[in-house]
mmCIF file of all heavy atoms, coordinates in Angstrom:
data_MODEL
# 
_entry.id   MODEL 
# 
loop_
_atom_site.group_PDB 
_atom_site.id 
_atom_site.type_symbol 
_atom_site.label_atom_id 
_atom_site.label_alt_id 
_atom_site.label_comp_id 
_atom_site.label_asym_id 
_atom_site.label_entity_id 
_atom_site.label_seq_id 
_atom_site.pdbx_PDB_ins_code 
_atom_site.Cartn_x 
_atom_site.Cartn_y 
_atom_site.Cartn_z 
_atom_site.occupancy 
_atom_site.B_iso_or_equiv 
_atom_site.pdbx_formal_charge 
_atom_site.auth_seq_id 
_atom_site.auth_comp_id 
_atom_site.auth_asym_id 
_atom_site.auth_atom_id 
_atom_site.pdbx_PDB_model_num 
ATOM 1   N N   . THR A 1 1  ? 0.851  -1.250 0.009  1.00 0.00 ? 1  THR A N   1 
ATOM 2   C CA  . THR A 1 1  ? -0.023 0.063  -0.018 1.00 0.00 ? 1  THR A CA  1 
ATOM 3   C C   . THR A 1 1  ? 0.889  1.213  0.021  1.00 0.00 ? 1  THR A C   1 
ATOM 4   O O   . THR A 1 1  ? 1.960  1.186  0.510  1.00 0.00 ? 1  THR A O   1 
ATOM 5   C CB  . THR A 1 1  ? -0.844 -0.009 1.290  1.00 0.00 ? 1  THR A CB  1 
ATOM 6   O OG1 . THR A 1 1  ? -0.067 0.045  2.426  1.00 0.00 ? 1  THR A OG1 1 
ATOM 7   C CG2 . THR A 1 1  ? -1.923 -1.132 1.299  1.00 0.00 ? 1  THR A CG2 1 
ATOM 8   N N   . GLY A 1 2  ? 0.441  2.228  -0.630 1.00 0.00 ? 2  GLY A N   1 
ATOM 9   C CA  . GLY A 1 2  ? 1.140  3.478  -0.717 1.00 0.00 ? 2  GLY A CA  1 
ATOM 10  C C   . GLY A 1 2  ? 0.280  4.758  -0.863 1.00 0.00 ? 2  GLY A C   1 
ATOM 11  O O   . GLY A 1 2  ? -0.823 4.589  -1.474 1.00 0.00 ? 2  GLY A O   1 
ATOM 12  N N   . ARG A 1 3  ? 0.742  5.867  -0.426 1.00 0.00 ? 3  ARG A N   1 
ATOM 13  C CA  . ARG A 1 3  ? 0.075  7.058  -0.656 1.00 0.00 ? 3  ARG A CA  1 
ATOM 14  C C   . ARG A 1 3  ? 1.073  8.199  -0.900 1.00 0.00 ? 3  ARG A C   1 
ATOM 15  O O   . ARG A 1 3  ? 2.071  8.227  -0.188 1.00 0.00 ? 3  ARG A O   1 
ATOM 16  C CB  . ARG A 1 3  ? -0.759 7.333  0.577  1.00 0.00 ? 3  ARG A CB  1 
ATOM 17  C CG  . ARG A 1 3  ? -1.592 8.708  0.509  1.00 0.00 ? 3  ARG A CG  1 
ATOM 18  C CD  . ARG A 1 3  ? -2.270 8.982  1.729  1.00 0.00 ? 3  ARG A CD  1 
ATOM 19  N NE  . ARG A 1 3  ? -3.117 10.216 1.748  1.00 0.00 ? 3  ARG A NE  1 
ATOM 20  C CZ  . ARG A 1 3  ? -2.476 11.453 2.028  1.00 0.00 ? 3  ARG A CZ  1 
ATOM 21  N NH1 . ARG A 1 3  ? -1.164 11.546 2.322  1.00 0.00 ? 3  ARG A NH1 1 
ATOM 22  N NH2 . ARG A 1 3  ? -3.233 12.600 1.953  1.00 0.00 ? 3  ARG A NH2 1 
ATOM 23  N N   . ILE A 1 4  ? 0.816  9.096  -1.748 1.00 0.00 ? 4  ILE A N   1 
ATOM 24  C CA  . ILE A 1 4  ? 1.645  10.198 -1.945 1.00 0.00 ? 4  ILE A CA  1 
ATOM 25  C C   . ILE A 1 4  ? 0.793  11.365 -2.347 1.00 0.00 ? 4  ILE A C   1 
ATOM 26  O O   . ILE A 1 4  ? -0.221 11.302 -3.015 1.00 0.00 ? 4  ILE A O   1 
ATOM 27  C CB  . ILE A 1 4  ? 2.704  9.962  -3.055 1.00 0.00 ? 4  ILE A CB  1 
ATOM 28  C CG1 . ILE A 1 4  ? 3.660  11.077 -3.168 1.00 0.00 ? 4  ILE A CG1 1 
ATOM 29  C CG2 . ILE A 1 4  ? 2.068  9.668  -4.398 1.00 0.00 ? 4  ILE A CG2 1 
ATOM 30  C CD1 . ILE A 1 4  ? 4.899  10.804 -4.164 1.00 0.00 ? 4  ILE A CD1 1 
ATOM 31  N N   . GLY A 1 5  ? 1.242  12.596 -1.868 1.00 0.00 ? 5  GLY A N   1 
ATOM 32  C CA  . GLY A 1 5  ? 0.473  13.824 -2.118 1.00 0.00 ? 5  GLY A CA  1 
ATOM 33  C C   . GLY A 1 5  ? 0.908  14.982 -1.343 1.00 0.00 ? 5  GLY A C   1 
ATOM 34  O O   . GLY A 1 5  ? 2.060  14.946 -0.735 1.00 0.00 ? 5  GLY A O   1 
ATOM 35  N N   . GLY A 1 6  ? 0.079  15.916 -1.272 1.00 0.00 ? 6  GLY A N   1 
ATOM 36  C CA  . GLY A 1 6  ? 0.387  17.170 -0.503 1.00 0.00 ? 6  GLY A CA  1 
ATOM 37  C C   . GLY A 1 6  ? -0.693 17.579 0.333  1.00 0.00 ? 6  GLY A C   1 
ATOM 38  O O   . GLY A 1 6  ? -1.923 17.286 -0.002 1.00 0.00 ? 6  GLY A O   1 
ATOM 39  N N   . SER A 1 7  ? -0.416 18.288 1.345  1.00 0.00 ? 7  SER A N   1 
ATOM 40  C CA  . SER A 1 7  ? -1.352 18.769 2.281  1.00 0.00 ? 7  SER A CA  1 
ATOM 41  C C   . SER A 1 7  ? -0.986 20.087 2.828  1.00 0.00 ? 7  SER A C   1 
ATOM 42  O O   . SER A 1 7  ? 0.227  20.355 3.105  1.00 0.00 ? 7  SER A O   1 
ATOM 43  C CB  . SER A 1 7  ? -1.472 17.815 3.490  1.00 0.00 ? 7  SER A CB  1 
ATOM 44  O OG  . SER A 1 7  ? -2.490 18.241 4.430  1.00 0.00 ? 7  SER A OG  1 
ATOM 45  N N   . ALA A 1 8  ? -1.912 21.018 2.987  1.00 0.00 ? 8  ALA A N   1 
ATOM 46  C CA  . ALA A 1 8  ? -1.572 22.414 3.488  1.00 0.00 ? 8  ALA A CA  1 
ATOM 47  C C   . ALA A 1 8  ? -2.908 22.938 4.077  1.00 0.00 ? 8  ALA A C   1 
ATOM 48  O O   . ALA A 1 8  ? -4.004 22.532 3.772  1.00 0.00 ? 8  ALA A O   1 
ATOM 49  C CB  . ALA A 1 8  ? -1.122 23.288 2.381  1.00 0.00 ? 8  ALA A CB  1 
ATOM 50  N N   . SER A 1 9  ? -2.648 23.952 4.966  1.00 0.00 ? 9  SER A N   1 
ATOM 51  C CA  . SER A 1 9  ? -3.830 24.675 5.545  1.00 0.00 ? 9  SER A CA  1 
ATOM 52  C C   . SER A 1 9  ? -3.341 26.117 5.892  1.00 0.00 ? 9  SER A C   1 
ATOM 53  O O   . SER A 1 9  ? -2.216 26.520 5.625  1.00 0.00 ? 9  SER A O   1 
ATOM 54  C CB  . SER A 1 9  ? -4.155 24.048 6.854  1.00 0.00 ? 9  SER A CB  1 
ATOM 55  O OG  . SER A 1 9  ? -3.193 24.186 7.887  1.00 0.00 ? 9  SER A OG  1 
ATOM 56  N N   . THR A 1 10 ? -4.346 26.963 6.254  1.00 0.00 ? 10 THR A N   1 
ATOM 57  C CA  . THR A 1 10 ? -4.125 28.380 6.528  1.00 0.00 ? 10 THR A CA  1 
ATOM 58  C C   . THR A 1 10 ? -3.944 28.560 7.984  1.00 0.00 ? 10 THR A C   1 
ATOM 59  O O   . THR A 1 10 ? -3.815 29.786 8.419  1.00 0.00 ? 10 THR A O   1 
ATOM 60  C CB  . THR A 1 10 ? -5.288 29.162 5.947  1.00 0.00 ? 10 THR A CB  1 
ATOM 61  O OG1 . THR A 1 10 ? -6.479 28.702 6.680  1.00 0.00 ? 10 THR A OG1 1 
ATOM 62  C CG2 . THR A 1 10 ? -5.417 29.065 4.471  1.00 0.00 ? 10 THR A CG2 1 
ATOM 63  N N   . ILE A 1 11 ? -3.575 27.526 8.767  1.00 0.00 ? 11 ILE A N   1 
ATOM 64  C CA  . ILE A 1 11 ? -3.381 27.727 10.231 1.00 0.00 ? 11 ILE A CA  1 
ATOM 65  C C   . ILE A 1 11 ? -1.959 28.540 10.408 1.00 0.00 ? 11 ILE A C   1 
ATOM 66  O O   . ILE A 1 11 ? -1.014 28.162 9.631  1.00 0.00 ? 11 ILE A O   1 
ATOM 67  C CB  . ILE A 1 11 ? -3.249 26.389 10.884 1.00 0.00 ? 11 ILE A CB  1 
ATOM 68  C CG1 . ILE A 1 11 ? -4.639 25.692 10.834 1.00 0.00 ? 11 ILE A CG1 1 
ATOM 69  C CG2 . ILE A 1 11 ? -2.869 26.587 12.328 1.00 0.00 ? 11 ILE A CG2 1 
ATOM 70  C CD1 . ILE A 1 11 ? -4.634 24.287 11.408 1.00 0.00 ? 11 ILE A CD1 1 
ATOM 71  N N   . ASN A 1 12 ? -1.883 29.331 11.280 1.00 0.00 ? 12 ASN A N   1 
ATOM 72  C CA  . ASN A 1 12 ? -0.697 30.079 11.640 1.00 0.00 ? 12 ASN A CA  1 
ATOM 73  C C   . ASN A 1 12 ? -0.144 30.834 10.415 1.00 0.00 ? 12 ASN A C   1 
ATOM 74  O O   . ASN A 1 12 ? 1.092  31.014 10.190 1.00 0.00 ? 12 ASN A O   1 
ATOM 75  C CB  . ASN A 1 12 ? 0.440  29.153 12.197 1.00 0.00 ? 12 ASN A CB  1 
ATOM 76  C CG  . ASN A 1 12 ? -0.018 28.564 13.474 1.00 0.00 ? 12 ASN A CG  1 
ATOM 77  O OD1 . ASN A 1 12 ? -0.720 29.158 14.296 1.00 0.00 ? 12 ASN A OD1 1 
ATOM 78  N ND2 . ASN A 1 12 ? 0.474  27.403 13.782 1.00 0.00 ? 12 ASN A ND2 1 
ATOM 79  N N   . GLY A 1 13 ? -1.019 31.310 9.621  1.00 0.00 ? 13 GLY A N   1 
ATOM 80  C CA  . GLY A 1 13 ? -0.528 32.199 8.436  1.00 0.00 ? 13 GLY A CA  1 
ATOM 81  C C   . GLY A 1 13 ? -0.067 31.457 7.237  1.00 0.00 ? 13 GLY A C   1 
ATOM 82  O O   . GLY A 1 13 ? 0.427  32.036 6.261  1.00 0.00 ? 13 GLY A O   1 
ATOM 83  N N   . ALA A 1 14 ? -0.102 30.044 7.303  1.00 0.00 ? 14 ALA A N   1 
ATOM 84  C CA  . ALA A 1 14 ? 0.356  29.323 6.109  1.00 0.00 ? 14 ALA A CA  1 
ATOM 85  C C   . ALA A 1 14 ? -0.598 29.482 4.901  1.00 0.00 ? 14 ALA A C   1 
ATOM 86  O O   . ALA A 1 14 ? -1.810 30.013 5.147  1.00 0.00 ? 14 ALA A O   1 
ATOM 87  C CB  . ALA A 1 14 ? 0.533  27.798 6.435  1.00 0.00 ? 14 ALA A CB  1 
ATOM 88  N N   . ARG A 1 15 ? -0.229 28.968 3.779  1.00 0.00 ? 15 ARG A N   1 
ATOM 89  C CA  . ARG A 1 15 ? -1.008 29.206 2.578  1.00 0.00 ? 15 ARG A CA  1 
ATOM 90  C C   . ARG A 1 15 ? -1.411 27.878 2.008  1.00 0.00 ? 15 ARG A C   1 
ATOM 91  O O   . ARG A 1 15 ? -0.587 26.934 2.080  1.00 0.00 ? 15 ARG A O   1 
ATOM 92  C CB  . ARG A 1 15 ? -0.230 30.037 1.568  1.00 0.00 ? 15 ARG A CB  1 
ATOM 93  C CG  . ARG A 1 15 ? 0.056  31.527 1.954  1.00 0.00 ? 15 ARG A CG  1 
ATOM 94  C CD  . ARG A 1 15 ? 0.743  32.298 0.867  1.00 0.00 ? 15 ARG A CD  1 
ATOM 95  N NE  . ARG A 1 15 ? 1.024  33.537 1.206  1.00 0.00 ? 15 ARG A NE  1 
ATOM 96  C CZ  . ARG A 1 15 ? 1.613  34.477 0.457  1.00 0.00 ? 15 ARG A CZ  1 
ATOM 97  N NH1 . ARG A 1 15 ? 2.070  34.085 -0.799 1.00 0.00 ? 15 ARG A NH1 1 
ATOM 98  N NH2 . ARG A 1 15 ? 1.848  35.739 0.821  1.00 0.00 ? 15 ARG A NH2 1 
ATOM 99  N N   . LEU A 1 16 ? -2.549 27.848 1.292  1.00 0.00 ? 16 LEU A N   1 
ATOM 100 C CA  . LEU A 1 16 ? -2.979 26.549 0.633  1.00 0.00 ? 16 LEU A CA  1 
ATOM 101 C C   . LEU A 1 16 ? -2.048 26.251 -0.435 1.00 0.00 ? 16 LEU A C   1 
ATOM 102 O O   . LEU A 1 16 ? -1.851 25.037 -0.792 1.00 0.00 ? 16 LEU A O   1 
ATOM 103 C CB  . LEU A 1 16 ? -4.354 26.667 0.169  1.00 0.00 ? 16 LEU A CB  1 
ATOM 104 C CG  . LEU A 1 16 ? -5.470 26.772 1.154  1.00 0.00 ? 16 LEU A CG  1 
ATOM 105 C CD1 . LEU A 1 16 ? -6.876 26.914 0.535  1.00 0.00 ? 16 LEU A CD1 1 
ATOM 106 C CD2 . LEU A 1 16 ? -5.448 25.536 2.105  1.00 0.00 ? 16 LEU A CD2 1 
ATOM 107 N N   . SER A 1 17 ? -1.392 27.261 -1.063 1.00 0.00 ? 17 SER A N   1 
ATOM 108 C CA  . SER A 1 17 ? -0.475 26.909 -2.208 1.00 0.00 ? 17 SER A CA  1 
ATOM 109 C C   . SER A 1 17 ? 0.732  26.142 -1.783 1.00 0.00 ? 17 SER A C   1 
ATOM 110 O O   . SER A 1 17 ? 1.442  25.567 -2.664 1.00 0.00 ? 17 SER A O   1 
ATOM 111 C CB  . SER A 1 17 ? -0.067 28.251 -2.939 1.00 0.00 ? 17 SER A CB  1 
ATOM 112 O OG  . SER A 1 17 ? 0.565  29.048 -2.006 1.00 0.00 ? 17 SER A OG  1 
ATOM 113 N N   . SER A 1 18 ? 0.971  26.042 -0.515 1.00 0.00 ? 18 SER A N   1 
ATOM 114 C CA  . SER A 1 18 ? 2.164  25.225 -0.069 1.00 0.00 ? 18 SER A CA  1 
ATOM 115 C C   . SER A 1 18 ? 2.006  23.792 -0.350 1.00 0.00 ? 18 SER A C   1 
ATOM 116 O O   . SER A 1 18 ? 2.985  23.010 -0.186 1.00 0.00 ? 18 SER A O   1 
ATOM 117 C CB  . SER A 1 18 ? 2.315  25.446 1.458  1.00 0.00 ? 18 SER A CB  1 
ATOM 118 O OG  . SER A 1 18 ? 2.554  26.858 1.778  1.00 0.00 ? 18 SER A OG  1 
ATOM 119 N N   . ILE A 1 19 ? 0.759  23.384 -0.637 1.00 0.00 ? 19 ILE A N   1 
ATOM 120 C CA  . ILE A 1 19 ? 0.506  22.009 -1.099 1.00 0.00 ? 19 ILE A CA  1 
ATOM 121 C C   . ILE A 1 19 ? 1.453  21.590 -2.168 1.00 0.00 ? 19 ILE A C   1 
ATOM 122 O O   . ILE A 1 19 ? 1.836  20.311 -2.326 1.00 0.00 ? 19 ILE A O   1 
ATOM 123 C CB  . ILE A 1 19 ? -0.935 21.760 -1.351 1.00 0.00 ? 19 ILE A CB  1 
ATOM 124 C CG1 . ILE A 1 19 ? -1.271 20.278 -1.447 1.00 0.00 ? 19 ILE A CG1 1 
ATOM 125 C CG2 . ILE A 1 19 ? -1.252 22.454 -2.692 1.00 0.00 ? 19 ILE A CG2 1 
ATOM 126 C CD1 . ILE A 1 19 ? -2.705 19.993 -1.610 1.00 0.00 ? 19 ILE A CD1 1 
ATOM 127 N N   . PHE A 1 20 ? 1.880  22.475 -2.969 1.00 0.00 ? 20 PHE A N   1 
ATOM 128 C CA  . PHE A 1 20 ? 2.707  22.130 -4.129 1.00 0.00 ? 20 PHE A CA  1 
ATOM 129 C C   . PHE A 1 20 ? 4.156  22.312 -3.878 1.00 0.00 ? 20 PHE A C   1 
ATOM 130 O O   . PHE A 1 20 ? 4.960  22.253 -4.864 1.00 0.00 ? 20 PHE A O   1 
ATOM 131 C CB  . PHE A 1 20 ? 2.306  23.026 -5.325 1.00 0.00 ? 20 PHE A CB  1 
ATOM 132 C CG  . PHE A 1 20 ? 0.912  22.830 -5.712 1.00 0.00 ? 20 PHE A CG  1 
ATOM 133 C CD1 . PHE A 1 20 ? -0.070 23.811 -5.561 1.00 0.00 ? 20 PHE A CD1 1 
ATOM 134 C CD2 . PHE A 1 20 ? 0.432  21.650 -6.328 1.00 0.00 ? 20 PHE A CD2 1 
ATOM 135 C CE1 . PHE A 1 20 ? -1.379 23.743 -5.831 1.00 0.00 ? 20 PHE A CE1 1 
ATOM 136 C CE2 . PHE A 1 20 ? -0.935 21.532 -6.663 1.00 0.00 ? 20 PHE A CE2 1 
ATOM 137 C CZ  . PHE A 1 20 ? -1.850 22.501 -6.495 1.00 0.00 ? 20 PHE A CZ  1 
ATOM 138 N N   . THR A 1 21 ? 4.573  22.563 -2.632 1.00 0.00 ? 21 THR A N   1 
ATOM 139 C CA  . THR A 1 21 ? 5.994  22.809 -2.298 1.00 0.00 ? 21 THR A CA  1 
ATOM 140 C C   . THR A 1 21 ? 6.582  21.554 -1.668 1.00 0.00 ? 21 THR A C   1 
ATOM 141 O O   . THR A 1 21 ? 5.746  20.691 -1.212 1.00 0.00 ? 21 THR A O   1 
ATOM 142 C CB  . THR A 1 21 ? 6.142  24.027 -1.455 1.00 0.00 ? 21 THR A CB  1 
ATOM 143 O OG1 . THR A 1 21 ? 5.534  23.748 -0.105 1.00 0.00 ? 21 THR A OG1 1 
ATOM 144 C CG2 . THR A 1 21 ? 5.594  25.148 -2.018 1.00 0.00 ? 21 THR A CG2 1 
ATOM 145 N N   . PRO A 1 22 ? 7.849  21.370 -1.568 1.00 0.00 ? 22 PRO A N   1 
ATOM 146 C CA  . PRO A 1 22 ? 8.395  20.175 -0.891 1.00 0.00 ? 22 PRO A CA  1 
ATOM 147 C C   . PRO A 1 22 ? 7.906  20.098 0.511  1.00 0.00 ? 22 PRO A C   1 
ATOM 148 O O   . PRO A 1 22 ? 7.760  19.008 1.046  1.00 0.00 ? 22 PRO A O   1 
ATOM 149 C CB  . PRO A 1 22 ? 9.923  20.532 -1.003 1.00 0.00 ? 22 PRO A CB  1 
ATOM 150 C CG  . PRO A 1 22 ? 10.120 21.304 -2.308 1.00 0.00 ? 22 PRO A CG  1 
ATOM 151 C CD  . PRO A 1 22 ? 8.860  22.180 -2.270 1.00 0.00 ? 22 PRO A CD  1 
ATOM 152 N N   . ALA A 1 23 ? 7.694  21.243 1.173  1.00 0.00 ? 23 ALA A N   1 
ATOM 153 C CA  . ALA A 1 23 ? 7.334  21.180 2.551  1.00 0.00 ? 23 ALA A CA  1 
ATOM 154 C C   . ALA A 1 23 ? 5.956  20.550 2.699  1.00 0.00 ? 23 ALA A C   1 
ATOM 155 O O   . ALA A 1 23 ? 5.644  19.921 3.779  1.00 0.00 ? 23 ALA A O   1 
ATOM 156 C CB  . ALA A 1 23 ? 7.313  22.613 3.097  1.00 0.00 ? 23 ALA A CB  1 
ATOM 157 N N   . GLY A 1 24 ? 5.063  20.718 1.649  1.00 0.00 ? 24 GLY A N   1 
ATOM 158 C CA  . GLY A 1 24 ? 3.795  20.076 1.719  1.00 0.00 ? 24 GLY A CA  1 
ATOM 159 C C   . GLY A 1 24 ? 3.626  18.711 1.321  1.00 0.00 ? 24 GLY A C   1 
ATOM 160 O O   . GLY A 1 24 ? 2.640  18.083 1.420  1.00 0.00 ? 24 GLY A O   1 
ATOM 161 N N   . LEU A 1 25 ? 4.767  18.078 0.852  1.00 0.00 ? 25 LEU A N   1 
ATOM 162 C CA  . LEU A 1 25 ? 4.783  16.710 0.348  1.00 0.00 ? 25 LEU A CA  1 
ATOM 163 C C   . LEU A 1 25 ? 4.624  15.764 1.539  1.00 0.00 ? 25 LEU A C   1 
ATOM 164 O O   . LEU A 1 25 ? 5.167  15.875 2.656  1.00 0.00 ? 25 LEU A O   1 
ATOM 165 C CB  . LEU A 1 25 ? 5.982  16.515 -0.448 1.00 0.00 ? 25 LEU A CB  1 
ATOM 166 C CG  . LEU A 1 25 ? 6.235  15.003 -0.953 1.00 0.00 ? 25 LEU A CG  1 
ATOM 167 C CD1 . LEU A 1 25 ? 5.246  14.744 -1.976 1.00 0.00 ? 25 LEU A CD1 1 
ATOM 168 C CD2 . LEU A 1 25 ? 7.647  14.843 -1.435 1.00 0.00 ? 25 LEU A CD2 1 
# 
């Protein structure tokens, strides 16, 4: 089994676009 993707939220000033950055991987 495997899963890969990105996740991001606006908590603490973060942005949803971070989902496409290495940090959101």
